[in-house]
Amino acid sequence: EDKNMRAFQKLNSEQKRVWTYLGGFVVVGSVAKFAYFKHVEDIFKESVEKQNISSLKILKESREYGEWSRKDREKKIPQLSAEQEHQLRRYLSLRAKKRPDLYPSDRYTGSS
C-alpha cells in the first residue's frame, strides 16, 4: 500500500485529478447500481407477493368448487350395492390383466 501511495503522490496535479474523477465515477456508479438493483428487487418482491395472494385466492376457490362438486356428484349418483361393487371389481381386475398400464391390479383386487 505504501508503494501505491508514493506512486500517487508522484503524479502531477492533472493526473491526480483524473484518477480522483475515475475513482469518484466508480464509487458513484457502484452506488447507483446498488440503488437500481434494490429498487428492482422491491418491485419484483411486490409483484410476487401480489401474484401469490391472487394464486392463493384462486386455489381456495378451486378447492371449494371441487368439494362442492364432489358432494353434488355423490348426491346425484346412487351408492353401489355390494353385488354391483363386486362385479365392478371383477371387471376392473380382468381389465388390469389385459392393460396393466391403465388399470394397476393392486387397486382392484381389494388388497388396498
PDB file of N, CA and C in Angstrom:
ATOM      1  N   GLU A   1       0.825  -1.200   0.000  1.00  0.00           N
ATOM      2  CA  GLU A   1       0.000   0.000   0.000  1.00  0.00           C
ATOM      3  C   GLU A   1       0.861   1.253   0.000  1.00  0.00           C
ATOM      4  N   ASP A   2       1.916   1.204   0.782  1.00  0.00           N
ATOM      5  CA  ASP A   2       2.803   2.356   0.879  1.00  0.00           C
ATOM      6  C   ASP A   2       3.371   2.711  -0.492  1.00  0.00           C
ATOM      7  N   LYS A   3       3.658   1.664  -1.266  1.00  0.00           N
ATOM      8  CA  LYS A   3       4.216   1.849  -2.611  1.00  0.00           C
ATOM      9  C   LYS A   3       3.195   2.549  -3.512  1.00  0.00           C
ATOM     10  N   ASN A   4       1.910   2.149  -3.394  1.00  0.00           N
ATOM     11  CA  ASN A   4       0.853   2.768  -4.195  1.00  0.00           C
ATOM     12  C   ASN A   4       0.651   4.226  -3.812  1.00  0.00           C
ATOM     13  N   MET A   5       0.711   4.526  -2.523  1.00  0.00           N
ATOM     14  CA  MET A   5       0.555   5.911  -2.073  1.00  0.00           C
ATOM     15  C   MET A   5       1.686   6.781  -2.623  1.00  0.00           C
ATOM     16  N   ARG A   6       2.906   6.248  -2.585  1.00  0.00           N
ATOM     17  CA  ARG A   6       4.047   7.013  -3.102  1.00  0.00           C
ATOM     18  C   ARG A   6       3.898   7.259  -4.603  1.00  0.00           C
ATOM     19  N   ALA A   7       3.375   6.235  -5.303  1.00  0.00           N
ATOM     20  CA  ALA A   7       3.178   6.390  -6.750  1.00  0.00           C
ATOM     21  C   ALA A   7       2.134   7.462  -7.014  1.00  0.00           C
ATOM     22  N   PHE A   8       1.055   7.504  -6.217  1.00  0.00           N
ATOM     23  CA  PHE A   8       0.005   8.512  -6.384  1.00  0.00           C
ATOM     24  C   PHE A   8       0.557   9.907  -6.082  1.00  0.00           C
ATOM     25  N   GLN A   9       1.394   9.996  -5.067  1.00  0.00           N
ATOM     26  CA  GLN A   9       1.954  11.295  -4.700  1.00  0.00           C
ATOM     27  C   GLN A   9       2.908  11.821  -5.769  1.00  0.00           C
ATOM     28  N   LYS A  10       3.509  10.916  -6.529  1.00  0.00           N
ATOM     29  CA  LYS A  10       4.447  11.336  -7.574  1.00  0.00           C
ATOM     30  C   LYS A  10       3.737  11.903  -8.805  1.00  0.00           C
ATOM     31  N   LEU A  11       2.435  11.636  -8.918  1.00  0.00           N
ATOM     32  CA  LEU A  11       1.701  12.134 -10.090  1.00  0.00           C
ATOM     33  C   LEU A  11       1.557  13.644 -10.009  1.00  0.00           C
ATOM     34  N   ASN A  12       1.470  14.270 -11.197  1.00  0.00           N
ATOM     35  CA  ASN A  12       1.236  15.711 -11.192  1.00  0.00           C
ATOM     36  C   ASN A  12      -0.242  15.983 -10.897  1.00  0.00           C
ATOM     37  N   SER A  13      -0.607  17.217 -10.693  1.00  0.00           N
ATOM     38  CA  SER A  13      -1.972  17.560 -10.259  1.00  0.00           C
ATOM     39  C   SER A  13      -3.018  17.170 -11.302  1.00  0.00           C
ATOM     40  N   GLU A  14      -2.684  17.288 -12.582  1.00  0.00           N
ATOM     41  CA  GLU A  14      -3.630  16.897 -13.642  1.00  0.00           C
ATOM     42  C   GLU A  14      -3.919  15.392 -13.577  1.00  0.00           C
ATOM     43  N   GLN A  15      -2.893  14.587 -13.403  1.00  0.00           N
ATOM     44  CA  GLN A  15      -3.067  13.128 -13.314  1.00  0.00           C
ATOM     45  C   GLN A  15      -3.830  12.754 -12.044  1.00  0.00           C
ATOM     46  N   LYS A  16      -3.540  13.443 -10.946  1.00  0.00           N
ATOM     47  CA  LYS A  16      -4.273  13.178  -9.707  1.00  0.00           C
ATOM     48  C   LYS A  16      -5.759  13.475  -9.872  1.00  0.00           C
ATOM     49  N   ARG A  17      -6.070  14.574 -10.552  1.00  0.00           N
ATOM     50  CA  ARG A  17      -7.467  14.950 -10.777  1.00  0.00           C
ATOM     51  C   ARG A  17      -8.179  13.880 -11.615  1.00  0.00           C
ATOM     52  N   VAL A  18      -7.501  13.388 -12.648  1.00  0.00           N
ATOM     53  CA  VAL A  18      -8.098  12.340 -13.495  1.00  0.00           C
ATOM     54  C   VAL A  18      -8.375  11.091 -12.654  1.00  0.00           C
ATOM     55  N   TRP A  19      -7.397  10.674 -11.849  1.00  0.00           N
ATOM     56  CA  TRP A  19      -7.599   9.491 -11.003  1.00  0.00           C
ATOM     57  C   TRP A  19      -8.702   9.725  -9.962  1.00  0.00           C
ATOM     58  N   THR A  20      -8.813  10.929  -9.437  1.00  0.00           N
ATOM     59  CA  THR A  20      -9.872  11.247  -8.472  1.00  0.00           C
ATOM     60  C   THR A  20     -11.235  11.159  -9.152  1.00  0.00           C
ATOM     61  N   TYR A  21     -11.336  11.716 -10.360  1.00  0.00           N
ATOM     62  CA  TYR A  21     -12.603  11.624 -11.098  1.00  0.00           C
ATOM     63  C   TYR A  21     -12.963  10.169 -11.402  1.00  0.00           C
ATOM     64  N   LEU A  22     -11.979   9.404 -11.833  1.00  0.00           N
ATOM     65  CA  LEU A  22     -12.243   7.990 -12.136  1.00  0.00           C
ATOM     66  C   LEU A  22     -12.688   7.236 -10.881  1.00  0.00           C
ATOM     67  N   GLY A  23     -12.024   7.489  -9.766  1.00  0.00           N
ATOM     68  CA  GLY A  23     -12.417   6.851  -8.509  1.00  0.00           C
ATOM     69  C   GLY A  23     -13.820   7.256  -8.098  1.00  0.00           C
ATOM     70  N   GLY A  24     -14.111   8.556  -8.242  1.00  0.00           N
ATOM     71  CA  GLY A  24     -15.463   9.037  -7.924  1.00  0.00           C
ATOM     72  C   GLY A  24     -16.507   8.413  -8.835  1.00  0.00           C
ATOM     73  N   PHE A  25     -16.143   8.305 -10.105  1.00  0.00           N
ATOM     74  CA  PHE A  25     -17.065   7.695 -11.068  1.00  0.00           C
ATOM     75  C   PHE A  25     -17.365   6.239 -10.691  1.00  0.00           C
ATOM     76  N   VAL A  26     -16.336   5.500 -10.294  1.00  0.00           N
ATOM     77  CA  VAL A  26     -16.524   4.101  -9.888  1.00  0.00           C
ATOM     78  C   VAL A  26     -17.406   4.019  -8.652  1.00  0.00           C
ATOM     79  N   VAL A  27     -17.167   4.888  -7.673  1.00  0.00           N
ATOM     80  CA  VAL A  27     -17.964   4.880  -6.440  1.00  0.00           C
ATOM     81  C   VAL A  27     -19.412   5.259  -6.744  1.00  0.00           C
ATOM     82  N   VAL A  28     -19.619   6.333  -7.493  1.00  0.00           N
ATOM     83  CA  VAL A  28     -20.978   6.771  -7.833  1.00  0.00           C
ATOM     84  C   VAL A  28     -21.687   5.688  -8.654  1.00  0.00           C
ATOM     85  N   GLY A  29     -20.971   5.086  -9.596  1.00  0.00           N
ATOM     86  CA  GLY A  29     -21.568   4.017 -10.411  1.00  0.00           C
ATOM     87  C   GLY A  29     -21.963   2.827  -9.564  1.00  0.00           C
ATOM     88  N   SER A  30     -21.120   2.481  -8.607  1.00  0.00           N
ATOM     89  CA  SER A  30     -21.443   1.342  -7.726  1.00  0.00           C
ATOM     90  C   SER A  30     -22.657   1.641  -6.862  1.00  0.00           C
ATOM     91  N   VAL A  31     -22.727   2.850  -6.327  1.00  0.00           N
ATOM     92  CA  VAL A  31     -23.884   3.242  -5.506  1.00  0.00           C
ATOM     93  C   VAL A  31     -25.154   3.249  -6.361  1.00  0.00           C
ATOM     94  N   ALA A  32     -25.058   3.798  -7.577  1.00  0.00           N
ATOM     95  CA  ALA A  32     -26.227   3.843  -8.468  1.00  0.00           C
ATOM     96  C   ALA A  32     -26.674   2.426  -8.827  1.00  0.00           C
ATOM     97  N   LYS A  33     -25.716   1.559  -9.107  1.00  0.00           N
ATOM     98  CA  LYS A  33     -26.064   0.176  -9.449  1.00  0.00           C
ATOM     99  C   LYS A  33     -26.737  -0.516  -8.258  1.00  0.00           C
ATOM    100  N   PHE A  34     -26.208  -0.310  -7.076  1.00  0.00           N
ATOM    101  CA  PHE A  34     -26.804  -0.903  -5.880  1.00  0.00           C
ATOM    102  C   PHE A  34     -28.230  -0.396  -5.683  1.00  0.00           C
ATOM    103  N   ALA A  35     -28.419   0.924  -5.820  1.00  0.00           N
ATOM    104  CA  ALA A  35     -29.756   1.511  -5.642  1.00  0.00           C
ATOM    105  C   ALA A  35     -30.728   0.969  -6.688  1.00  0.00           C
ATOM    106  N   TYR A  36     -30.260   0.859  -7.930  1.00  0.00           N
ATOM    107  CA  TYR A  36     -31.119   0.345  -9.004  1.00  0.00           C
ATOM    108  C   TYR A  36     -31.541  -1.092  -8.716  1.00  0.00           C
ATOM    109  N   PHE A  37     -30.588  -1.952  -8.344  1.00  0.00           N
ATOM    110  CA  PHE A  37     -30.925  -3.346  -8.079  1.00  0.00           C
ATOM    111  C   PHE A  37     -31.821  -3.485  -6.855  1.00  0.00           C
ATOM    112  N   LYS A  38     -31.633  -2.631  -5.864  1.00  0.00           N
ATOM    113  CA  LYS A  38     -32.504  -2.650  -4.682  1.00  0.00           C
ATOM    114  C   LYS A  38     -33.923  -2.258  -5.092  1.00  0.00           C
ATOM    115  N   HIS A  39     -34.038  -1.251  -5.939  1.00  0.00           N
ATOM    116  CA  HIS A  39     -35.346  -0.811  -6.427  1.00  0.00           C
ATOM    117  C   HIS A  39     -36.027  -1.929  -7.230  1.00  0.00           C
ATOM    118  N   VAL A  40     -35.293  -2.548  -8.122  1.00  0.00           N
ATOM    119  CA  VAL A  40     -35.844  -3.650  -8.928  1.00  0.00           C
ATOM    120  C   VAL A  40     -36.251  -4.816  -8.022  1.00  0.00           C
ATOM    121  N   GLU A  41     -35.450  -5.100  -7.006  1.00  0.00           N
ATOM    122  CA  GLU A  41     -35.782  -6.172  -6.066  1.00  0.00           C
ATOM    123  C   GLU A  41     -37.099  -5.877  -5.348  1.00  0.00           C
ATOM    124  N   ASP A  42     -37.289  -4.629  -4.920  1.00  0.00           N
ATOM    125  CA  ASP A  42     -38.530  -4.253  -4.237  1.00  0.00           C
ATOM    126  C   ASP A  42     -39.739  -4.400  -5.164  1.00  0.00           C
ATOM    127  N   ILE A  43     -39.585  -3.964  -6.404  1.00  0.00           N
ATOM    128  CA  ILE A  43     -40.684  -4.100  -7.378  1.00  0.00           C
ATOM    129  C   ILE A  43     -40.993  -5.571  -7.614  1.00  0.00           C
ATOM    130  N   PHE A  44     -39.956  -6.374  -7.785  1.00  0.00           N
ATOM    131  CA  PHE A  44     -40.135  -7.807  -8.022  1.00  0.00           C
ATOM    132  C   PHE A  44     -40.813  -8.462  -6.820  1.00  0.00           C
ATOM    133  N   LYS A  45     -40.383  -8.094  -5.622  1.00  0.00           N
ATOM    134  CA  LYS A  45     -40.956  -8.664  -4.402  1.00  0.00           C
ATOM    135  C   LYS A  45     -42.447  -8.329  -4.293  1.00  0.00           C
ATOM    136  N   GLU A  46     -42.805  -7.077  -4.560  1.00  0.00           N
ATOM    137  CA  GLU A  46     -44.212  -6.666  -4.530  1.00  0.00           C
ATOM    138  C   GLU A  46     -45.025  -7.462  -5.544  1.00  0.00           C
ATOM    139  N   SER A  47     -44.486  -7.613  -6.741  1.00  0.00           N
ATOM    140  CA  SER A  47     -45.177  -8.342  -7.796  1.00  0.00           C
ATOM    141  C   SER A  47     -45.408  -9.797  -7.397  1.00  0.00           C
ATOM    142  N   VAL A  48     -44.393 -10.419  -6.831  1.00  0.00           N
ATOM    143  CA  VAL A  48     -44.518 -11.819  -6.411  1.00  0.00           C
ATOM    144  C   VAL A  48     -45.535 -11.953  -5.281  1.00  0.00           C
ATOM    145  N   GLU A  49     -45.531 -11.018  -4.339  1.00  0.00           N
ATOM    146  CA  GLU A  49     -46.487 -11.061  -3.238  1.00  0.00           C
ATOM    147  C   GLU A  49     -47.925 -10.922  -3.749  1.00  0.00           C
ATOM    148  N   LYS A  50     -48.147  -9.988  -4.676  1.00  0.00           N
ATOM    149  CA  LYS A  50     -49.488  -9.812  -5.259  1.00  0.00           C
ATOM    150  C   LYS A  50     -49.925 -11.074  -5.996  1.00  0.00           C
ATOM    151  N   GLN A  51     -49.006 -11.643  -6.773  1.00  0.00           N
ATOM    152  CA  GLN A  51     -49.325 -12.849  -7.530  1.00  0.00           C
ATOM    153  C   GLN A  51     -49.614 -14.012  -6.584  1.00  0.00           C
ATOM    154  N   ASN A  52     -48.872 -14.106  -5.485  1.00  0.00           N
ATOM    155  CA  ASN A  52     -49.086 -15.168  -4.515  1.00  0.00           C
ATOM    156  C   ASN A  52     -50.458 -15.036  -3.862  1.00  0.00           C
ATOM    157  N   ILE A  53     -50.840 -13.824  -3.480  1.00  0.00           N
ATOM    158  CA  ILE A  53     -52.160 -13.599  -2.878  1.00  0.00           C
ATOM    159  C   ILE A  53     -53.255 -13.997  -3.859  1.00  0.00           C
ATOM    160  N   SER A  54     -53.100 -13.573  -5.109  1.00  0.00           N
ATOM    161  CA  SER A  54     -54.087 -13.914  -6.138  1.00  0.00           C
ATOM    162  C   SER A  54     -54.152 -15.429  -6.355  1.00  0.00           C
ATOM    163  N   SER A  55     -52.982 -16.075  -6.398  1.00  0.00           N
ATOM    164  CA  SER A  55     -52.937 -17.523  -6.621  1.00  0.00           C
ATOM    165  C   SER A  55     -53.569 -18.282  -5.464  1.00  0.00           C
ATOM    166  N   LEU A  56     -53.318 -17.828  -4.240  1.00  0.00           N
ATOM    167  CA  LEU A  56     -53.915 -18.486  -3.069  1.00  0.00           C
ATOM    168  C   LEU A  56     -55.432 -18.349  -3.080  1.00  0.00           C
ATOM    169  N   LYS A  57     -55.919 -17.194  -3.507  1.00  0.00           N
ATOM    170  CA  LYS A  57     -57.371 -16.976  -3.605  1.00  0.00           C
ATOM    171  C   LYS A  57     -57.977 -17.936  -4.633  1.00  0.00           C
ATOM    172  N   ILE A  58     -57.326 -18.052  -5.790  1.00  0.00           N
ATOM    173  CA  ILE A  58     -57.815 -18.953  -6.840  1.00  0.00           C
ATOM    174  C   ILE A  58     -57.761 -20.404  -6.364  1.00  0.00           C
ATOM    175  N   LEU A  59     -56.688 -20.775  -5.665  1.00  0.00           N
ATOM    176  CA  LEU A  59     -56.565 -22.129  -5.138  1.00  0.00           C
ATOM    177  C   LEU A  59     -57.685 -22.432  -4.149  1.00  0.00           C
ATOM    178  N   LYS A  60     -57.980 -21.488  -3.263  1.00  0.00           N
ATOM    179  CA  LYS A  60     -59.061 -21.671  -2.283  1.00  0.00           C
ATOM    180  C   LYS A  60     -60.401 -21.854  -2.999  1.00  0.00           C
ATOM    181  N   GLU A  61     -60.658 -21.008  -3.989  1.00  0.00           N
ATOM    182  CA  GLU A  61     -61.908 -21.116  -4.748  1.00  0.00           C
ATOM    183  C   GLU A  61     -61.991 -22.462  -5.473  1.00  0.00           C
ATOM    184  N   SER A  62     -60.874 -22.915  -6.023  1.00  0.00           N
ATOM    185  CA  SER A  62     -60.854 -24.194  -6.735  1.00  0.00           C
ATOM    186  C   SER A  62     -61.138 -25.352  -5.789  1.00  0.00           C
ATOM    187  N   ARG A  63     -60.533 -25.302  -4.599  1.00  0.00           N
ATOM    188  CA  ARG A  63     -60.787 -26.367  -3.616  1.00  0.00           C
ATOM    189  C   ARG A  63     -62.239 -26.364  -3.168  1.00  0.00           C
ATOM    190  N   GLU A  64     -62.796 -25.175  -2.939  1.00  0.00           N
ATOM    191  CA  GLU A  64     -64.205 -25.084  -2.542  1.00  0.00           C
ATOM    192  C   GLU A  64     -65.104 -25.638  -3.646  1.00  0.00           C
ATOM    193  N   TYR A  65     -64.805 -25.289  -4.899  1.00  0.00           N
ATOM    194  CA  TYR A  65     -65.600 -25.800  -6.008  1.00  0.00           C
ATOM    195  C   TYR A  65     -65.466 -27.322  -6.111  1.00  0.00           C
ATOM    196  N   GLY A  66     -64.246 -27.824  -5.952  1.00  0.00           N
ATOM    197  CA  GLY A  66     -64.031 -29.268  -6.010  1.00  0.00           C
ATOM    198  C   GLY A  66     -64.820 -30.000  -4.934  1.00  0.00           C
ATOM    199  N   GLU A  67     -64.847 -29.446  -3.730  1.00  0.00           N
ATOM    200  CA  GLU A  67     -65.608 -30.055  -2.630  1.00  0.00           C
ATOM    201  C   GLU A  67     -67.104 -30.009  -2.926  1.00  0.00           C
ATOM    202  N   TRP A  68     -67.576 -28.851  -3.404  1.00  0.00           N
ATOM    203  CA  TRP A  68     -68.988 -28.738  -3.750  1.00  0.00           C
ATOM    204  C   TRP A  68     -69.344 -29.728  -4.868  1.00  0.00           C
ATOM    205  N   SER A  69     -68.468 -29.821  -5.865  1.00  0.00           N
ATOM    206  CA  SER A  69     -68.706 -30.710  -6.997  1.00  0.00           C
ATOM    207  C   SER A  69     -68.762 -32.176  -6.545  1.00  0.00           C
ATOM    208  N   ARG A  70     -67.835 -32.555  -5.648  1.00  0.00           N
ATOM    209  CA  ARG A  70     -67.830 -33.929  -5.135  1.00  0.00           C
ATOM    210  C   ARG A  70     -69.133 -34.241  -4.393  1.00  0.00           C
ATOM    211  N   LYS A  71     -69.558 -33.332  -3.532  1.00  0.00           N
ATOM    212  CA  LYS A  71     -70.801 -33.551  -2.770  1.00  0.00           C
ATOM    213  C   LYS A  71     -72.000 -33.622  -3.708  1.00  0.00           C
ATOM    214  N   ASP A  72     -72.028 -32.734  -4.709  1.00  0.00           N
ATOM    215  CA  ASP A  72     -73.134 -32.721  -5.663  1.00  0.00           C
ATOM    216  C   ASP A  72     -73.182 -34.026  -6.455  1.00  0.00           C
ATOM    217  N   ARG A  73     -72.013 -34.507  -6.872  1.00  0.00           N
ATOM    218  CA  ARG A  73     -71.932 -35.757  -7.629  1.00  0.00           C
ATOM    219  C   ARG A  73     -72.404 -36.924  -6.764  1.00  0.00           C
ATOM    220  N   GLU A  74     -71.961 -36.961  -5.520  1.00  0.00           N
ATOM    221  CA  GLU A  74     -72.345 -38.053  -4.624  1.00  0.00           C
ATOM    222  C   GLU A  74     -73.837 -38.045  -4.348  1.00  0.00           C
ATOM    223  N   LYS A  75     -74.442 -36.839  -4.322  1.00  0.00           N
ATOM    224  CA  LYS A  75     -75.883 -36.726  -4.107  1.00  0.00           C
ATOM    225  C   LYS A  75     -76.663 -37.302  -5.283  1.00  0.00           C
ATOM    226  N   LYS A  76     -76.164 -37.081  -6.481  1.00  0.00           N
ATOM    227  CA  LYS A  76     -76.900 -37.460  -7.687  1.00  0.00           C
ATOM    228  C   LYS A  76     -76.713 -38.922  -8.066  1.00  0.00           C
ATOM    229  N   ILE A  77     -75.581 -39.515  -7.713  1.00  0.00           N
ATOM    230  CA  ILE A  77     -75.303 -40.900  -8.119  1.00  0.00           C
ATOM    231  C   ILE A  77     -75.625 -41.832  -6.955  1.00  0.00           C
ATOM    232  N   PRO A  78     -76.461 -42.837  -7.209  1.00  0.00           N
ATOM    233  CA  PRO A  78     -76.796 -43.763  -6.123  1.00  0.00           C
ATOM    234  C   PRO A  78     -75.593 -44.632  -5.740  1.00  0.00           C
ATOM    235  N   GLN A  79     -75.555 -45.039  -4.482  1.00  0.00           N
ATOM    236  CA  GLN A  79     -74.484 -45.896  -3.978  1.00  0.00           C
ATOM    237  C   GLN A  79     -74.597 -47.279  -4.621  1.00  0.00           C
ATOM    238  N   LEU A  80     -73.446 -47.902  -4.917  1.00  0.00           N
ATOM    239  CA  LEU A  80     -73.454 -49.250  -5.491  1.00  0.00           C
ATOM    240  C   LEU A  80     -73.835 -50.260  -4.417  1.00  0.00           C
ATOM    241  N   SER A  81     -74.575 -51.261  -4.850  1.00  0.00           N
ATOM    242  CA  SER A  81     -74.870 -52.353  -3.921  1.00  0.00           C
ATOM    243  C   SER A  81     -73.605 -53.210  -3.790  1.00  0.00           C
ATOM    244  N   ALA A  82     -73.598 -54.105  -2.807  1.00  0.00           N
ATOM    245  CA  ALA A  82     -72.434 -54.968  -2.595  1.00  0.00           C
ATOM    246  C   ALA A  82     -72.169 -55.816  -3.842  1.00  0.00           C
ATOM    247  N   GLU A  83     -73.235 -56.322  -4.460  1.00  0.00           N
ATOM    248  CA  GLU A  83     -73.105 -57.142  -5.668  1.00  0.00           C
ATOM    249  C   GLU A  83     -72.531 -56.327  -6.821  1.00  0.00           C
ATOM    250  N   GLN A  84     -73.027 -55.110  -6.999  1.00  0.00           N
ATOM    251  CA  GLN A  84     -72.530 -54.248  -8.076  1.00  0.00           C
ATOM    252  C   GLN A  84     -71.049 -53.906  -7.855  1.00  0.00           C
ATOM    253  N   GLU A  85     -70.689 -53.646  -6.605  1.00  0.00           N
ATOM    254  CA  GLU A  85     -69.301 -53.332  -6.304  1.00  0.00           C
ATOM    255  C   GLU A  85     -68.406 -54.529  -6.597  1.00  0.00           C
ATOM    256  N   HIS A  86     -68.879 -55.738  -6.253  1.00  0.00           N
ATOM    257  CA  HIS A  86     -68.131 -56.960  -6.527  1.00  0.00           C
ATOM    258  C   HIS A  86     -67.944 -57.146  -8.041  1.00  0.00           C
ATOM    259  N   GLN A  87     -69.017 -56.933  -8.808  1.00  0.00           N
ATOM    260  CA  GLN A  87     -68.950 -57.061 -10.257  1.00  0.00           C
ATOM    261  C   GLN A  87     -67.975 -56.028 -10.858  1.00  0.00           C
ATOM    262  N   LEU A  88     -68.037 -54.812 -10.358  1.00  0.00           N
ATOM    263  CA  LEU A  88     -67.141 -53.763 -10.857  1.00  0.00           C
ATOM    264  C   LEU A  88     -65.687 -54.128 -10.571  1.00  0.00           C
ATOM    265  N   ARG A  89     -65.395 -54.612  -9.378  1.00  0.00           N
ATOM    266  CA  ARG A  89     -64.020 -55.009  -9.030  1.00  0.00           C
ATOM    267  C   ARG A  89     -63.549 -56.164  -9.916  1.00  0.00           C
ATOM    268  N   ARG A  90     -64.427 -57.116 -10.180  1.00  0.00           N
ATOM    269  CA  ARG A  90     -64.068 -58.235 -11.059  1.00  0.00           C
ATOM    270  C   ARG A  90     -63.750 -57.735 -12.460  1.00  0.00           C
ATOM    271  N   TYR A  91     -64.606 -56.869 -12.971  1.00  0.00           N
ATOM    272  CA  TYR A  91     -64.399 -56.308 -14.308  1.00  0.00           C
ATOM    273  C   TYR A  91     -63.061 -55.565 -14.377  1.00  0.00           C
ATOM    274  N   LEU A  92     -62.784 -54.702 -13.398  1.00  0.00           N
ATOM    275  CA  LEU A  92     -61.533 -53.937 -13.400  1.00  0.00           C
ATOM    276  C   LEU A  92     -60.324 -54.849 -13.229  1.00  0.00           C
ATOM    277  N   SER A  93     -60.486 -55.922 -12.501  1.00  0.00           N
ATOM    278  CA  SER A  93     -59.405 -56.885 -12.333  1.00  0.00           C
ATOM    279  C   SER A  93     -59.090 -57.561 -13.670  1.00  0.00           C
ATOM    280  N   LEU A  94     -60.141 -57.923 -14.428  1.00  0.00           N
ATOM    281  CA  LEU A  94     -59.926 -58.505 -15.755  1.00  0.00           C
ATOM    282  C   LEU A  94     -59.263 -57.506 -16.689  1.00  0.00           C
ATOM    283  N   ARG A  95     -59.709 -56.247 -16.621  1.00  0.00           N
ATOM    284  CA  ARG A  95     -59.100 -55.212 -17.466  1.00  0.00           C
ATOM    285  C   ARG A  95     -57.626 -55.020 -17.098  1.00  0.00           C
ATOM    286  N   ALA A  96     -57.303 -55.147 -15.815  1.00  0.00           N
ATOM    287  CA  ALA A  96     -55.935 -54.958 -15.348  1.00  0.00           C
ATOM    288  C   ALA A  96     -55.010 -56.029 -15.921  1.00  0.00           C
ATOM    289  N   LYS A  97     -55.548 -57.212 -16.162  1.00  0.00           N
ATOM    290  CA  LYS A  97     -54.726 -58.275 -16.748  1.00  0.00           C
ATOM    291  C   LYS A  97     -54.374 -57.947 -18.189  1.00  0.00           C
ATOM    292  N   LYS A  98     -55.313 -57.332 -18.921  1.00  0.00           N
ATOM    293  CA  LYS A  98     -55.074 -57.004 -20.327  1.00  0.00           C
ATOM    294  C   LYS A  98     -54.264 -55.721 -20.488  1.00  0.00           C
ATOM    295  N   ARG A  99     -54.530 -54.711 -19.651  1.00  0.00           N
ATOM    296  CA  ARG A  99     -53.848 -53.407 -19.751  1.00  0.00           C
ATOM    297  C   ARG A  99     -53.365 -52.953 -18.372  1.00  0.00           C
ATOM    298  N   PRO A 100     -52.301 -53.570 -17.860  1.00  0.00           N
ATOM    299  CA  PRO A 100     -51.827 -53.192 -16.524  1.00  0.00           C
ATOM    300  C   PRO A 100     -51.332 -51.745 -16.432  1.00  0.00           C
ATOM    301  N   ASP A 101     -50.976 -51.154 -17.590  1.00  0.00           N
ATOM    302  CA  ASP A 101     -50.540 -49.760 -17.568  1.00  0.00           C
ATOM    303  C   ASP A 101     -51.698 -48.810 -17.286  1.00  0.00           C
ATOM    304  N   LEU A 102     -52.922 -49.189 -17.711  1.00  0.00           N
ATOM    305  CA  LEU A 102     -54.094 -48.347 -17.481  1.00  0.00           C
ATOM    306  C   LEU A 102     -54.853 -48.723 -16.215  1.00  0.00           C
ATOM    307  N   TYR A 103     -54.786 -49.992 -15.841  1.00  0.00           N
ATOM    308  CA  TYR A 103     -55.536 -50.488 -14.691  1.00  0.00           C
ATOM    309  C   TYR A 103     -54.590 -51.227 -13.748  1.00  0.00           C
ATOM    310  N   PRO A 104     -53.893 -50.511 -12.873  1.00  0.00           N
ATOM    311  CA  PRO A 104     -52.983 -51.202 -11.943  1.00  0.00           C
ATOM    312  C   PRO A 104     -53.773 -52.197 -11.088  1.00  0.00           C
ATOM    313  N   SER A 105     -53.327 -53.447 -11.090  1.00  0.00           N
ATOM    314  CA  SER A 105     -54.119 -54.519 -10.455  1.00  0.00           C
ATOM    315  C   SER A 105     -54.264 -54.352  -8.955  1.00  0.00           C
ATOM    316  N   ASP A 106     -53.304 -53.730  -8.260  1.00  0.00           N
ATOM    317  CA  ASP A 106     -53.418 -53.611  -6.813  1.00  0.00           C
ATOM    318  C   ASP A 106     -54.578 -52.716  -6.403  1.00  0.00           C
ATOM    319  N   ARG A 107     -55.087 -51.887  -7.293  1.00  0.00           N
ATOM    320  CA  ARG A 107     -56.232 -51.028  -6.950  1.00  0.00           C
ATOM    321  C   ARG A 107     -57.560 -51.779  -6.982  1.00  0.00           C
ATOM    322  N   TYR A 108     -57.628 -52.907  -7.715  1.00  0.00           N
ATOM    323  CA  TYR A 108     -58.920 -53.551  -7.934  1.00  0.00           C
ATOM    324  C   TYR A 108     -59.033 -54.929  -7.298  1.00  0.00           C
ATOM    325  N   THR A 109     -57.991 -55.389  -6.678  1.00  0.00           N
ATOM    326  CA  THR A 109     -58.054 -56.738  -6.098  1.00  0.00           C
ATOM    327  C   THR A 109     -58.504 -56.691  -4.646  1.00  0.00           C
ATOM    328  N   GLY A 110     -58.693 -55.492  -4.114  1.00  0.00           N
ATOM    329  CA  GLY A 110     -59.176 -55.387  -2.741  1.00  0.00           C
ATOM    330  C   GLY A 110     -58.057 -55.448  -1.715  1.00  0.00           C
ATOM    331  N   SER A 111     -56.778 -55.422  -2.181  1.00  0.00           N
ATOM    332  CA  SER A 111     -55.662 -55.533  -1.240  1.00  0.00           C
ATOM    333  C   SER A 111     -55.322 -54.190  -0.616  1.00  0.00           C
ATOM    334  N   SER A 112     -55.842 -53.104  -1.144  1.00  0.00           N
ATOM    335  CA  SER A 112     -55.502 -51.782  -0.594  1.00  0.00           C
ATOM    336  C   SER A 112     -56.444 -51.338   0.499  1.00  0.00           C
TER     337      SER A 112
END
